[in-house]
All heavy atoms as atom14 arrays in JSON, in Angstrom:
{
  "sequence": "LVLPPRLTASARTLRAAALRRGLRIVEATASAVPEGLGSPGW",
  "atom14_mask": [
    [1, 1, 1, 1, 1, 1, 1, 1, 0, 0, 0, 0, 0, 0],
    [1, 1, 1, 1, 1, 1, 1, 0, 0, 0, 0, 0, 0, 0],
    [1, 1, 1, 1, 1, 1, 1, 1, 0, 0, 0, 0, 0, 0],
    [1, 1, 1, 1, 1, 1, 1, 0, 0, 0, 0, 0, 0, 0],
    [1, 1, 1, 1, 1, 1, 1, 0, 0, 0, 0, 0, 0, 0],
    [1, 1, 1, 1, 1, 1, 1, 1, 1, 1, 1, 0, 0, 0],
    [1, 1, 1, 1, 1, 1, 1, 1, 0, 0, 0, 0, 0, 0],
    [1, 1, 1, 1, 1, 1, 1, 0, 0, 0, 0, 0, 0, 0],
    [1, 1, 1, 1, 1, 0, 0, 0, 0, 0, 0, 0, 0, 0],
    [1, 1, 1, 1, 1, 1, 0, 0, 0, 0, 0, 0, 0, 0],
    [1, 1, 1, 1, 1, 0, 0, 0, 0, 0, 0, 0, 0, 0],
    [1, 1, 1, 1, 1, 1, 1, 1, 1, 1, 1, 0, 0, 0],
    [1, 1, 1, 1, 1, 1, 1, 0, 0, 0, 0, 0, 0, 0],
    [1, 1, 1, 1, 1, 1, 1, 1, 0, 0, 0, 0, 0, 0],
    [1, 1, 1, 1, 1, 1, 1, 1, 1, 1, 1, 0, 0, 0],
    [1, 1, 1, 1, 1, 0, 0, 0, 0, 0, 0, 0, 0, 0],
    [1, 1, 1, 1, 1, 0, 0, 0, 0, 0, 0, 0, 0, 0],
    [1, 1, 1, 1, 1, 0, 0, 0, 0, 0, 0, 0, 0, 0],
    [1, 1, 1, 1, 1, 1, 1, 1, 0, 0, 0, 0, 0, 0],
    [1, 1, 1, 1, 1, 1, 1, 1, 1, 1, 1, 0, 0, 0],
    [1, 1, 1, 1, 1, 1, 1, 1, 1, 1, 1, 0, 0, 0],
    [1, 1, 1, 1, 0, 0, 0, 0, 0, 0, 0, 0, 0, 0],
    [1, 1, 1, 1, 1, 1, 1, 1, 0, 0, 0, 0, 0, 0],
    [1, 1, 1, 1, 1, 1, 1, 1, 1, 1, 1, 0, 0, 0],
    [1, 1, 1, 1, 1, 1, 1, 1, 0, 0, 0, 0, 0, 0],
    [1, 1, 1, 1, 1, 1, 1, 0, 0, 0, 0, 0, 0, 0],
    [1, 1, 1, 1, 1, 1, 1, 1, 1, 0, 0, 0, 0, 0],
    [1, 1, 1, 1, 1, 0, 0, 0, 0, 0, 0, 0, 0, 0],
    [1, 1, 1, 1, 1, 1, 1, 0, 0, 0, 0, 0, 0, 0],
    [1, 1, 1, 1, 1, 0, 0, 0, 0, 0, 0, 0, 0, 0],
    [1, 1, 1, 1, 1, 1, 0, 0, 0, 0, 0, 0, 0, 0],
    [1, 1, 1, 1, 1, 0, 0, 0, 0, 0, 0, 0, 0, 0],
    [1, 1, 1, 1, 1, 1, 1, 0, 0, 0, 0, 0, 0, 0],
    [1, 1, 1, 1, 1, 1, 1, 0, 0, 0, 0, 0, 0, 0],
    [1, 1, 1, 1, 1, 1, 1, 1, 1, 0, 0, 0, 0, 0],
    [1, 1, 1, 1, 0, 0, 0, 0, 0, 0, 0, 0, 0, 0],
    [1, 1, 1, 1, 1, 1, 1, 1, 0, 0, 0, 0, 0, 0],
    [1, 1, 1, 1, 0, 0, 0, 0, 0, 0, 0, 0, 0, 0],
    [1, 1, 1, 1, 1, 1, 0, 0, 0, 0, 0, 0, 0, 0],
    [1, 1, 1, 1, 1, 1, 1, 0, 0, 0, 0, 0, 0, 0],
    [1, 1, 1, 1, 0, 0, 0, 0, 0, 0, 0, 0, 0, 0],
    [1, 1, 1, 1, 1, 1, 1, 1, 1, 1, 1, 1, 1, 1]
  ],
  "atom14_positions": [
    [[-92.0, 60.31, 104.07], [-92.22, 59.86, 102.69], [-92.48, 58.37, 102.71], [-91.64, 57.58, 103.15], [-91.01, 60.18, 101.81], [-91.13, 59.77, 100.34], [-92.26, 60.53, 99.65], [-89.81, 60.0, 99.6], [0.0, 0.0, 0.0], [0.0, 0.0, 0.0], [0.0, 0.0, 0.0], [0.0, 0.0, 0.0], [0.0, 0.0, 0.0], [0.0, 0.0, 0.0]],
    [[-93.65, 57.97, 102.24], [-94.03, 56.56, 102.19], [-93.69, 56.01, 100.81], [-94.03, 56.61, 99.78], [-95.54, 56.39, 102.48], [-95.94, 54.92, 102.39], [-95.89, 56.95, 103.85], [0.0, 0.0, 0.0], [0.0, 0.0, 0.0], [0.0, 0.0, 0.0], [0.0, 0.0, 0.0], [0.0, 0.0, 0.0], [0.0, 0.0, 0.0], [0.0, 0.0, 0.0]],
    [[-93.05, 54.84, 100.78], [-92.63, 54.2, 99.54], [-93.19, 52.78, 99.48], [-93.45, 52.15, 100.51], [-91.1, 54.16, 99.45], [-90.39, 55.5, 99.42], [-88.88, 55.32, 99.55], [-90.72, 56.27, 98.14], [0.0, 0.0, 0.0], [0.0, 0.0, 0.0], [0.0, 0.0, 0.0], [0.0, 0.0, 0.0], [0.0, 0.0, 0.0], [0.0, 0.0, 0.0]],
    [[-93.36, 52.24, 98.27], [-93.93, 50.89, 98.11], [-92.89, 49.8, 98.35], [-91.7, 50.1, 98.56], [-94.39, 50.89, 96.64], [-93.4, 51.8, 95.97], [-93.1, 52.89, 96.97], [0.0, 0.0, 0.0], [0.0, 0.0, 0.0], [0.0, 0.0, 0.0], [0.0, 0.0, 0.0], [0.0, 0.0, 0.0], [0.0, 0.0, 0.0], [0.0, 0.0, 0.0]],
    [[-93.3, 48.54, 98.32], [-92.37, 47.43, 98.63], [-91.2, 47.32, 97.66], [-90.07, 47.09, 98.08], [-93.26, 46.18, 98.56], [-94.65, 46.68, 98.71], [-94.67, 48.05, 98.1], [0.0, 0.0, 0.0], [0.0, 0.0, 0.0], [0.0, 0.0, 0.0], [0.0, 0.0, 0.0], [0.0, 0.0, 0.0], [0.0, 0.0, 0.0], [0.0, 0.0, 0.0]],
    [[-91.44, 47.48, 96.37], [-90.38, 47.32, 95.38], [-90.03, 48.68, 94.79], [-90.89, 49.33, 94.18], [-90.81, 46.34, 94.27], [-90.91, 44.91, 94.77], [-91.42, 43.97, 93.67], [-92.79, 44.27, 93.31], [-93.85, 43.84, 93.99], [-93.69, 43.11, 95.08], [-95.08, 44.14, 93.59], [0.0, 0.0, 0.0], [0.0, 0.0, 0.0], [0.0, 0.0, 0.0]],
    [[-88.79, 49.09, 94.97], [-88.37, 50.42, 94.55], [-87.75, 50.4, 93.16], [-86.89, 49.57, 92.87], [-87.37, 51.01, 95.55], [-87.84, 51.15, 96.99], [-86.79, 51.87, 97.81], [-89.17, 51.88, 97.07], [0.0, 0.0, 0.0], [0.0, 0.0, 0.0], [0.0, 0.0, 0.0], [0.0, 0.0, 0.0], [0.0, 0.0, 0.0], [0.0, 0.0, 0.0]],
    [[-88.17, 51.32, 92.32], [-87.52, 51.52, 91.04], [-86.22, 52.3, 91.26], [-85.96, 52.8, 92.36], [-88.42, 52.34, 90.1], [-88.63, 53.64, 90.68], [-89.77, 51.64, 89.89], [0.0, 0.0, 0.0], [0.0, 0.0, 0.0], [0.0, 0.0, 0.0], [0.0, 0.0, 0.0], [0.0, 0.0, 0.0], [0.0, 0.0, 0.0], [0.0, 0.0, 0.0]],
    [[-85.42, 52.41, 90.22], [-84.2, 53.2, 90.32], [-84.52, 54.65, 90.69], [-83.83, 55.27, 91.51], [-83.42, 53.14, 89.01], [0.0, 0.0, 0.0], [0.0, 0.0, 0.0], [0.0, 0.0, 0.0], [0.0, 0.0, 0.0], [0.0, 0.0, 0.0], [0.0, 0.0, 0.0], [0.0, 0.0, 0.0], [0.0, 0.0, 0.0], [0.0, 0.0, 0.0]],
    [[-85.58, 55.19, 90.1], [-85.97, 56.56, 90.42], [-86.41, 56.69, 91.87], [-86.1, 57.67, 92.54], [-87.08, 57.02, 89.49], [-86.58, 57.35, 88.21], [0.0, 0.0, 0.0], [0.0, 0.0, 0.0], [0.0, 0.0, 0.0], [0.0, 0.0, 0.0], [0.0, 0.0, 0.0], [0.0, 0.0, 0.0], [0.0, 0.0, 0.0], [0.0, 0.0, 0.0]],
    [[-87.15, 55.69, 92.36], [-87.6, 55.74, 93.75], [-86.41, 55.72, 94.71], [-86.41, 56.41, 95.72], [-88.54, 54.57, 94.04], [0.0, 0.0, 0.0], [0.0, 0.0, 0.0], [0.0, 0.0, 0.0], [0.0, 0.0, 0.0], [0.0, 0.0, 0.0], [0.0, 0.0, 0.0], [0.0, 0.0, 0.0], [0.0, 0.0, 0.0], [0.0, 0.0, 0.0]],
    [[-85.4, 54.93, 94.37], [-84.2, 54.91, 95.21], [-83.48, 56.26, 95.18], [-82.96, 56.73, 96.2], [-83.26, 53.78, 94.76], [-83.79, 52.39, 95.08], [-82.73, 51.32, 94.88], [-82.41, 51.14, 93.47], [-83.03, 50.31, 92.66], [-84.04, 49.57, 93.12], [-82.66, 50.17, 91.4], [0.0, 0.0, 0.0], [0.0, 0.0, 0.0], [0.0, 0.0, 0.0]],
    [[-83.47, 56.89, 94.01], [-82.84, 58.21, 93.89], [-83.6, 59.24, 94.73], [-83.0, 60.05, 95.44], [-82.82, 58.65, 92.42], [-82.01, 57.73, 91.68], [-82.24, 60.04, 92.27], [0.0, 0.0, 0.0], [0.0, 0.0, 0.0], [0.0, 0.0, 0.0], [0.0, 0.0, 0.0], [0.0, 0.0, 0.0], [0.0, 0.0, 0.0], [0.0, 0.0, 0.0]],
    [[-84.93, 59.2, 94.65], [-85.73, 60.13, 95.44], [-85.63, 59.84, 96.93], [-85.65, 60.77, 97.75], [-87.18, 60.08, 94.97], [-87.45, 60.65, 93.58], [-88.89, 60.37, 93.16], [-87.16, 62.15, 93.52], [0.0, 0.0, 0.0], [0.0, 0.0, 0.0], [0.0, 0.0, 0.0], [0.0, 0.0, 0.0], [0.0, 0.0, 0.0], [0.0, 0.0, 0.0]],
    [[-85.53, 58.56, 97.27], [-85.35, 58.21, 98.69], [-84.06, 58.83, 99.23], [-84.04, 59.39, 100.33], [-85.32, 56.7, 98.86], [-85.09, 56.24, 100.3], [-85.04, 54.73, 100.41], [-83.95, 54.15, 99.63], [-83.7, 52.84, 99.54], [-84.5, 51.98, 100.17], [-82.7, 52.4, 98.81], [0.0, 0.0, 0.0], [0.0, 0.0, 0.0], [0.0, 0.0, 0.0]],
    [[-82.98, 58.73, 98.45], [-81.71, 59.31, 98.88], [-81.82, 60.82, 99.04], [-81.29, 61.4, 100.0], [-80.61, 58.96, 97.87], [0.0, 0.0, 0.0], [0.0, 0.0, 0.0], [0.0, 0.0, 0.0], [0.0, 0.0, 0.0], [0.0, 0.0, 0.0], [0.0, 0.0, 0.0], [0.0, 0.0, 0.0], [0.0, 0.0, 0.0], [0.0, 0.0, 0.0]],
    [[-82.53, 61.47, 98.11], [-82.72, 62.91, 98.2], [-83.53, 63.27, 99.44], [-83.24, 64.26, 100.14], [-83.4, 63.43, 96.94], [0.0, 0.0, 0.0], [0.0, 0.0, 0.0], [0.0, 0.0, 0.0], [0.0, 0.0, 0.0], [0.0, 0.0, 0.0], [0.0, 0.0, 0.0], [0.0, 0.0, 0.0], [0.0, 0.0, 0.0], [0.0, 0.0, 0.0]],
    [[-84.56, 62.47, 99.73], [-85.39, 62.73, 100.9], [-84.6, 62.56, 102.19], [-84.74, 63.35, 103.14], [-86.59, 61.79, 100.89], [0.0, 0.0, 0.0], [0.0, 0.0, 0.0], [0.0, 0.0, 0.0], [0.0, 0.0, 0.0], [0.0, 0.0, 0.0], [0.0, 0.0, 0.0], [0.0, 0.0, 0.0], [0.0, 0.0, 0.0], [0.0, 0.0, 0.0]],
    [[-83.76, 61.54, 102.24], [-82.94, 61.32, 103.44], [-81.95, 62.47, 103.64], [-81.73, 62.91, 104.76], [-82.2, 59.99, 103.32], [-83.06, 58.73, 103.48], [-82.27, 57.48, 103.12], [-83.6, 58.62, 104.91], [0.0, 0.0, 0.0], [0.0, 0.0, 0.0], [0.0, 0.0, 0.0], [0.0, 0.0, 0.0], [0.0, 0.0, 0.0], [0.0, 0.0, 0.0]],
    [[-81.37, 62.96, 102.55], [-80.46, 64.1, 102.66], [-81.18, 65.32, 103.22], [-80.61, 66.12, 103.93], [-79.85, 64.45, 101.3], [-78.81, 63.47, 100.8], [-78.01, 64.05, 99.65], [-78.85, 64.43, 98.51], [-79.16, 63.62, 97.51], [-78.74, 62.36, 97.53], [-79.91, 64.05, 96.51], [0.0, 0.0, 0.0], [0.0, 0.0, 0.0], [0.0, 0.0, 0.0]],
    [[-82.45, 65.43, 102.88], [-83.24, 66.58, 103.32], [-83.77, 66.39, 104.74], [-84.32, 67.32, 105.33], [-84.4, 66.79, 102.35], [-85.08, 68.12, 102.48], [-86.17, 68.3, 101.45], [-85.65, 68.37, 100.08], [-86.38, 68.72, 99.04], [-87.67, 69.04, 99.21], [-85.87, 68.76, 97.84], [0.0, 0.0, 0.0], [0.0, 0.0, 0.0], [0.0, 0.0, 0.0]],
    [[-83.61, 65.19, 105.3], [-84.05, 64.95, 106.67], [-85.43, 64.38, 106.8], [-85.99, 64.35, 107.9], [0.0, 0.0, 0.0], [0.0, 0.0, 0.0], [0.0, 0.0, 0.0], [0.0, 0.0, 0.0], [0.0, 0.0, 0.0], [0.0, 0.0, 0.0], [0.0, 0.0, 0.0], [0.0, 0.0, 0.0], [0.0, 0.0, 0.0], [0.0, 0.0, 0.0]],
    [[-86.02, 63.89, 105.71], [-87.33, 63.26, 105.79], [-87.22, 61.88, 106.41], [-86.19, 61.21, 106.27], [-87.99, 63.13, 104.41], [-88.77, 64.34, 103.89], [-87.85, 65.47, 103.5], [-89.64, 63.93, 102.71], [0.0, 0.0, 0.0], [0.0, 0.0, 0.0], [0.0, 0.0, 0.0], [0.0, 0.0, 0.0], [0.0, 0.0, 0.0], [0.0, 0.0, 0.0]],
    [[-88.27, 61.45, 107.06], [-88.36, 60.08, 107.55], [-88.91, 59.21, 106.43], [-89.91, 59.58, 105.79], [-89.27, 60.01, 108.78], [-89.49, 58.6, 109.34], [-88.2, 58.05, 109.93], [-88.41, 56.72, 110.45], [-88.68, 56.44, 111.72], [-88.83, 57.43, 112.59], [-88.81, 55.21, 112.14], [0.0, 0.0, 0.0], [0.0, 0.0, 0.0], [0.0, 0.0, 0.0]],
    [[-88.3, 58.07, 106.17], [-88.74, 57.16, 105.12], [-89.48, 55.98, 105.75], [-88.99, 55.36, 106.69], [-87.55, 56.63, 104.3], [-86.77, 57.8, 103.68], [-88.04, 55.68, 103.21], [-87.55, 58.65, 102.71], [0.0, 0.0, 0.0], [0.0, 0.0, 0.0], [0.0, 0.0, 0.0], [0.0, 0.0, 0.0], [0.0, 0.0, 0.0], [0.0, 0.0, 0.0]],
    [[-90.66, 55.68, 105.22], [-91.42, 54.49, 105.63], [-91.63, 53.66, 104.38], [-92.25, 54.11, 103.42], [-92.78, 54.86, 106.26], [-93.58, 53.6, 106.55], [-92.58, 55.67, 107.53], [0.0, 0.0, 0.0], [0.0, 0.0, 0.0], [0.0, 0.0, 0.0], [0.0, 0.0, 0.0], [0.0, 0.0, 0.0], [0.0, 0.0, 0.0], [0.0, 0.0, 0.0]],
    [[-91.08, 52.44, 104.37], [-91.22, 51.56, 103.22], [-92.14, 50.39, 103.56], [-92.01, 49.77, 104.62], [-89.86, 51.01, 102.79], [-88.93, 52.08, 102.24], [-87.61, 51.51, 101.76], [-87.61, 50.35, 101.27], [-86.57, 52.19, 101.9], [0.0, 0.0, 0.0], [0.0, 0.0, 0.0], [0.0, 0.0, 0.0], [0.0, 0.0, 0.0], [0.0, 0.0, 0.0]],
    [[-93.07, 50.11, 102.66], [-93.93, 48.94, 102.83], [-93.08, 47.69, 102.67], [-92.06, 47.7, 101.99], [-95.04, 48.95, 101.8], [0.0, 0.0, 0.0], [0.0, 0.0, 0.0], [0.0, 0.0, 0.0], [0.0, 0.0, 0.0], [0.0, 0.0, 0.0], [0.0, 0.0, 0.0], [0.0, 0.0, 0.0], [0.0, 0.0, 0.0], [0.0, 0.0, 0.0]],
    [[-93.52, 46.62, 103.29], [-92.79, 45.35, 103.16], [-93.63, 44.36, 102.37], [-93.82, 44.54, 101.17], [-92.44, 44.8, 104.56], [-93.63, 44.73, 105.35], [-91.43, 45.71, 105.24], [0.0, 0.0, 0.0], [0.0, 0.0, 0.0], [0.0, 0.0, 0.0], [0.0, 0.0, 0.0], [0.0, 0.0, 0.0], [0.0, 0.0, 0.0], [0.0, 0.0, 0.0]],
    [[-94.18, 43.37, 103.02], [-94.89, 42.33, 102.27], [-96.29, 42.78, 101.84], [-96.78, 42.37, 100.79], [-94.99, 41.06, 103.11], [0.0, 0.0, 0.0], [0.0, 0.0, 0.0], [0.0, 0.0, 0.0], [0.0, 0.0, 0.0], [0.0, 0.0, 0.0], [0.0, 0.0, 0.0], [0.0, 0.0, 0.0], [0.0, 0.0, 0.0], [0.0, 0.0, 0.0]],
    [[-96.95, 43.59, 102.64], [-98.32, 43.96, 102.35], [-98.39, 45.27, 101.59], [-97.41, 46.01, 101.5], [-99.12, 44.06, 103.65], [-98.57, 45.07, 104.47], [0.0, 0.0, 0.0], [0.0, 0.0, 0.0], [0.0, 0.0, 0.0], [0.0, 0.0, 0.0], [0.0, 0.0, 0.0], [0.0, 0.0, 0.0], [0.0, 0.0, 0.0], [0.0, 0.0, 0.0]],
    [[-99.54, 45.58, 101.04], [-99.71, 46.81, 100.28], [-99.59, 48.03, 101.17], [-99.08, 49.05, 100.77], [-101.07, 46.82, 99.58], [0.0, 0.0, 0.0], [0.0, 0.0, 0.0], [0.0, 0.0, 0.0], [0.0, 0.0, 0.0], [0.0, 0.0, 0.0], [0.0, 0.0, 0.0], [0.0, 0.0, 0.0], [0.0, 0.0, 0.0], [0.0, 0.0, 0.0]],
    [[-100.06, 47.93, 102.41], [-100.0, 49.05, 103.34], [-99.08, 48.68, 104.49], [-99.23, 47.62, 105.09], [-101.4, 49.37, 103.9], [-101.34, 50.6, 104.8], [-102.39, 49.57, 102.77], [0.0, 0.0, 0.0], [0.0, 0.0, 0.0], [0.0, 0.0, 0.0], [0.0, 0.0, 0.0], [0.0, 0.0, 0.0], [0.0, 0.0, 0.0], [0.0, 0.0, 0.0]],
    [[-98.08, 49.53, 104.84], [-97.24, 49.23, 105.99], [-98.1, 48.98, 107.22], [-99.05, 49.72, 107.48], [-96.39, 50.51, 106.14], [-96.34, 51.08, 104.76], [-97.69, 50.76, 104.16], [0.0, 0.0, 0.0], [0.0, 0.0, 0.0], [0.0, 0.0, 0.0], [0.0, 0.0, 0.0], [0.0, 0.0, 0.0], [0.0, 0.0, 0.0], [0.0, 0.0, 0.0]],
    [[-97.78, 47.95, 107.95], [-98.62, 47.52, 109.07], [-98.86, 48.65, 110.05], [-97.93, 49.3, 110.53], [-97.96, 46.34, 109.8], [-98.83, 45.75, 110.89], [-98.18, 44.52, 111.51], [-97.11, 44.12, 111.05], [-98.77, 43.99, 112.47], [0.0, 0.0, 0.0], [0.0, 0.0, 0.0], [0.0, 0.0, 0.0], [0.0, 0.0, 0.0], [0.0, 0.0, 0.0]],
    [[-100.14, 48.9, 110.33], [-100.5, 49.92, 111.31], [-100.55, 51.33, 110.76], [-101.01, 52.24, 111.43], [0.0, 0.0, 0.0], [0.0, 0.0, 0.0], [0.0, 0.0, 0.0], [0.0, 0.0, 0.0], [0.0, 0.0, 0.0], [0.0, 0.0, 0.0], [0.0, 0.0, 0.0], [0.0, 0.0, 0.0], [0.0, 0.0, 0.0], [0.0, 0.0, 0.0]],
    [[-100.08, 51.54, 109.55], [-100.02, 52.88, 108.99], [-101.43, 53.43, 108.84], [-102.29, 52.8, 108.25], [-99.32, 52.85, 107.64], [-98.64, 54.14, 107.16], [-97.61, 54.61, 108.16], [-98.0, 53.92, 105.81], [0.0, 0.0, 0.0], [0.0, 0.0, 0.0], [0.0, 0.0, 0.0], [0.0, 0.0, 0.0], [0.0, 0.0, 0.0], [0.0, 0.0, 0.0]],
    [[-101.64, 54.6, 109.38], [-102.95, 55.24, 109.28], [-103.87, 54.94, 110.44], [-104.87, 55.62, 110.62], [0.0, 0.0, 0.0], [0.0, 0.0, 0.0], [0.0, 0.0, 0.0], [0.0, 0.0, 0.0], [0.0, 0.0, 0.0], [0.0, 0.0, 0.0], [0.0, 0.0, 0.0], [0.0, 0.0, 0.0], [0.0, 0.0, 0.0], [0.0, 0.0, 0.0]],
    [[-103.53, 53.94, 111.26], [-104.36, 53.61, 112.41], [-103.97, 54.5, 113.59], [-102.91, 55.12, 113.58], [-104.18, 52.14, 112.78], [-102.83, 51.9, 113.14], [0.0, 0.0, 0.0], [0.0, 0.0, 0.0], [0.0, 0.0, 0.0], [0.0, 0.0, 0.0], [0.0, 0.0, 0.0], [0.0, 0.0, 0.0], [0.0, 0.0, 0.0], [0.0, 0.0, 0.0]],
    [[-104.8, 54.58, 114.63], [-104.44, 55.38, 115.79], [-103.09, 54.94, 116.36], [-102.82, 53.76, 116.54], [-105.59, 55.09, 116.78], [-106.75, 54.75, 115.89], [-106.15, 54.0, 114.74], [0.0, 0.0, 0.0], [0.0, 0.0, 0.0], [0.0, 0.0, 0.0], [0.0, 0.0, 0.0], [0.0, 0.0, 0.0], [0.0, 0.0, 0.0], [0.0, 0.0, 0.0]],
    [[-102.24, 55.91, 116.62], [-100.92, 55.61, 117.17], [-99.92, 55.12, 116.16], [-98.85, 54.66, 116.53], [0.0, 0.0, 0.0], [0.0, 0.0, 0.0], [0.0, 0.0, 0.0], [0.0, 0.0, 0.0], [0.0, 0.0, 0.0], [0.0, 0.0, 0.0], [0.0, 0.0, 0.0], [0.0, 0.0, 0.0], [0.0, 0.0, 0.0], [0.0, 0.0, 0.0]],
    [[-100.22, 55.23, 114.86], [-99.3, 54.69, 113.86], [-97.94, 55.37, 113.89], [-96.92, 54.75, 113.6], [-99.9, 54.78, 112.46], [-99.99, 56.17, 111.89], [-101.04, 57.01, 111.98], [-98.99, 56.84, 111.13], [-100.77, 58.18, 111.34], [-99.53, 58.11, 110.79], [-97.71, 56.52, 110.68], [-98.81, 59.06, 110.06], [-96.99, 57.46, 109.94], [-97.55, 58.71, 109.65]]
  ]
}
């Protein structure tokens, strides 16, 4: 589950639900797209 840099309260709630379910969480940091995401070997 990919999430944006700034999380709303709902996004944090869904992140917690996803973690409980065993999903891997990828959060963007400073840039719009997490570095390397979507490129070969990401």
